[in-house]
Amino acid sequence: MAIKSSTFGRVELSGADAVRFVQHMNEDKPNPLALATLARGREIIEKTNKGEAFKLKRNA
């Protein structure tokens, strides 16, 4: 795998890894759990910006 990174730099993909990454971003379906988490996070941001209280739910 061709990945170049450092503490203060970026990550670079090249060759087949770069092609697969672009394909993944364009074709693969999003994770439904990630989408649900994103929606909950956006609700919290809206409430925080309005100065409203919110509760975090704890998963068992």
C-alpha atoms as a PDB file:
ATOM      1  CA  MET A   1       0.000   0.000   0.000  1.00  0.00           C
ATOM      2  CA  ALA A   2       1.374   3.394  -0.938  1.00  0.00           C
ATOM      3  CA  ILE A   3       0.564   5.749   1.904  1.00  0.00           C
ATOM      4  CA  LYS A   4       2.758   8.630   2.928  1.00  0.00           C
ATOM      5  CA  SER A   5       2.015  10.489   6.135  1.00  0.00           C
ATOM      6  CA  SER A   6       3.639  12.252   9.027  1.00  0.00           C
ATOM      7  CA  THR A   7       2.559  13.900  12.237  1.00  0.00           C
ATOM      8  CA  PHE A   8       2.473  17.301  10.574  1.00  0.00           C
ATOM      9  CA  GLY A   9       1.629  16.326   7.003  1.00  0.00           C
ATOM     10  CA  ARG A  10      -1.073  14.874   4.842  1.00  0.00           C
ATOM     11  CA  VAL A  11      -1.799  11.360   3.667  1.00  0.00           C
ATOM     12  CA  GLU A  12      -1.192  10.604   0.003  1.00  0.00           C
ATOM     13  CA  LEU A  13      -2.564   7.612  -1.867  1.00  0.00           C
ATOM     14  CA  SER A  14      -1.095   6.553  -5.181  1.00  0.00           C
ATOM     15  CA  GLY A  15      -1.640   3.976  -7.865  1.00  0.00           C
ATOM     16  CA  ALA A  16      -4.241   1.279  -7.276  1.00  0.00           C
ATOM     17  CA  ASP A  17      -4.955   2.573  -3.757  1.00  0.00           C
ATOM     18  CA  ALA A  18      -5.928   5.974  -5.106  1.00  0.00           C
ATOM     19  CA  VAL A  19      -8.124   4.432  -7.803  1.00  0.00           C
ATOM     20  CA  ARG A  20      -9.884   2.213  -5.243  1.00  0.00           C
ATOM     21  CA  PHE A  21     -10.404   5.134  -2.866  1.00  0.00           C
ATOM     22  CA  VAL A  22     -12.103   7.229  -5.563  1.00  0.00           C
ATOM     23  CA  GLN A  23     -14.214   4.223  -6.579  1.00  0.00           C
ATOM     24  CA  HIS A  24     -15.172   3.660  -2.947  1.00  0.00           C
ATOM     25  CA  MET A  25     -16.225   7.292  -2.505  1.00  0.00           C
ATOM     26  CA  ASN A  26     -18.359   7.239  -5.662  1.00  0.00           C
ATOM     27  CA  GLU A  27     -19.959   3.792  -5.577  1.00  0.00           C
ATOM     28  CA  ASP A  28     -20.111   2.238  -2.114  1.00  0.00           C
ATOM     29  CA  LYS A  29     -23.198   2.733   0.037  1.00  0.00           C
ATOM     30  CA  PRO A  30     -22.890   4.724   3.268  1.00  0.00           C
ATOM     31  CA  ASN A  31     -23.023   2.901   6.584  1.00  0.00           C
ATOM     32  CA  PRO A  32     -26.546   3.323   8.045  1.00  0.00           C
ATOM     33  CA  LEU A  33     -25.167   3.498  11.600  1.00  0.00           C
ATOM     34  CA  ALA A  34     -22.789   6.273  10.578  1.00  0.00           C
ATOM     35  CA  LEU A  35     -25.657   8.196   8.974  1.00  0.00           C
ATOM     36  CA  ALA A  36     -27.742   7.848  12.154  1.00  0.00           C
ATOM     37  CA  THR A  37     -24.830   9.084  14.269  1.00  0.00           C
ATOM     38  CA  LEU A  38     -24.351  12.042  11.950  1.00  0.00           C
ATOM     39  CA  ALA A  39     -28.040  12.954  12.225  1.00  0.00           C
ATOM     40  CA  ARG A  40     -27.902  12.815  16.040  1.00  0.00           C
ATOM     41  CA  GLY A  41     -24.784  14.969  16.040  1.00  0.00           C
ATOM     42  CA  ARG A  42     -26.423  17.567  13.823  1.00  0.00           C
ATOM     43  CA  GLU A  43     -29.417  17.720  16.181  1.00  0.00           C
ATOM     44  CA  ILE A  44     -27.059  18.350  19.107  1.00  0.00           C
ATOM     45  CA  ILE A  45     -25.265  21.112  17.193  1.00  0.00           C
ATOM     46  CA  GLU A  46     -28.568  22.827  16.401  1.00  0.00           C
ATOM     47  CA  LYS A  47     -29.661  22.686  20.035  1.00  0.00           C
ATOM     48  CA  THR A  48     -26.290  23.930  21.252  1.00  0.00           C
ATOM     49  CA  ASN A  49     -26.325  26.837  18.825  1.00  0.00           C
ATOM     50  CA  LYS A  50     -29.792  27.802  20.089  1.00  0.00           C
ATOM     51  CA  GLY A  51     -28.677  27.489  23.718  1.00  0.00           C
ATOM     52  CA  GLU A  52     -31.037  24.590  24.381  1.00  0.00           C
ATOM     53  CA  ALA A  53     -30.319  21.646  26.645  1.00  0.00           C
ATOM     54  CA  PHE A  54     -29.791  18.155  25.282  1.00  0.00           C
ATOM     55  CA  LYS A  55     -29.210  14.668  26.633  1.00  0.00           C
ATOM     56  CA  LEU A  56     -26.782  12.086  25.395  1.00  0.00           C
ATOM     57  CA  LYS A  57     -28.188   8.585  25.233  1.00  0.00           C
ATOM     58  CA  ARG A  58     -25.996   5.780  26.460  1.00  0.00           C
ATOM     59  CA  ASN A  59     -26.056   2.522  24.539  1.00  0.00           C
ATOM     60  CA  ALA A  60     -25.976  -0.612  26.653  1.00  0.00           C
END
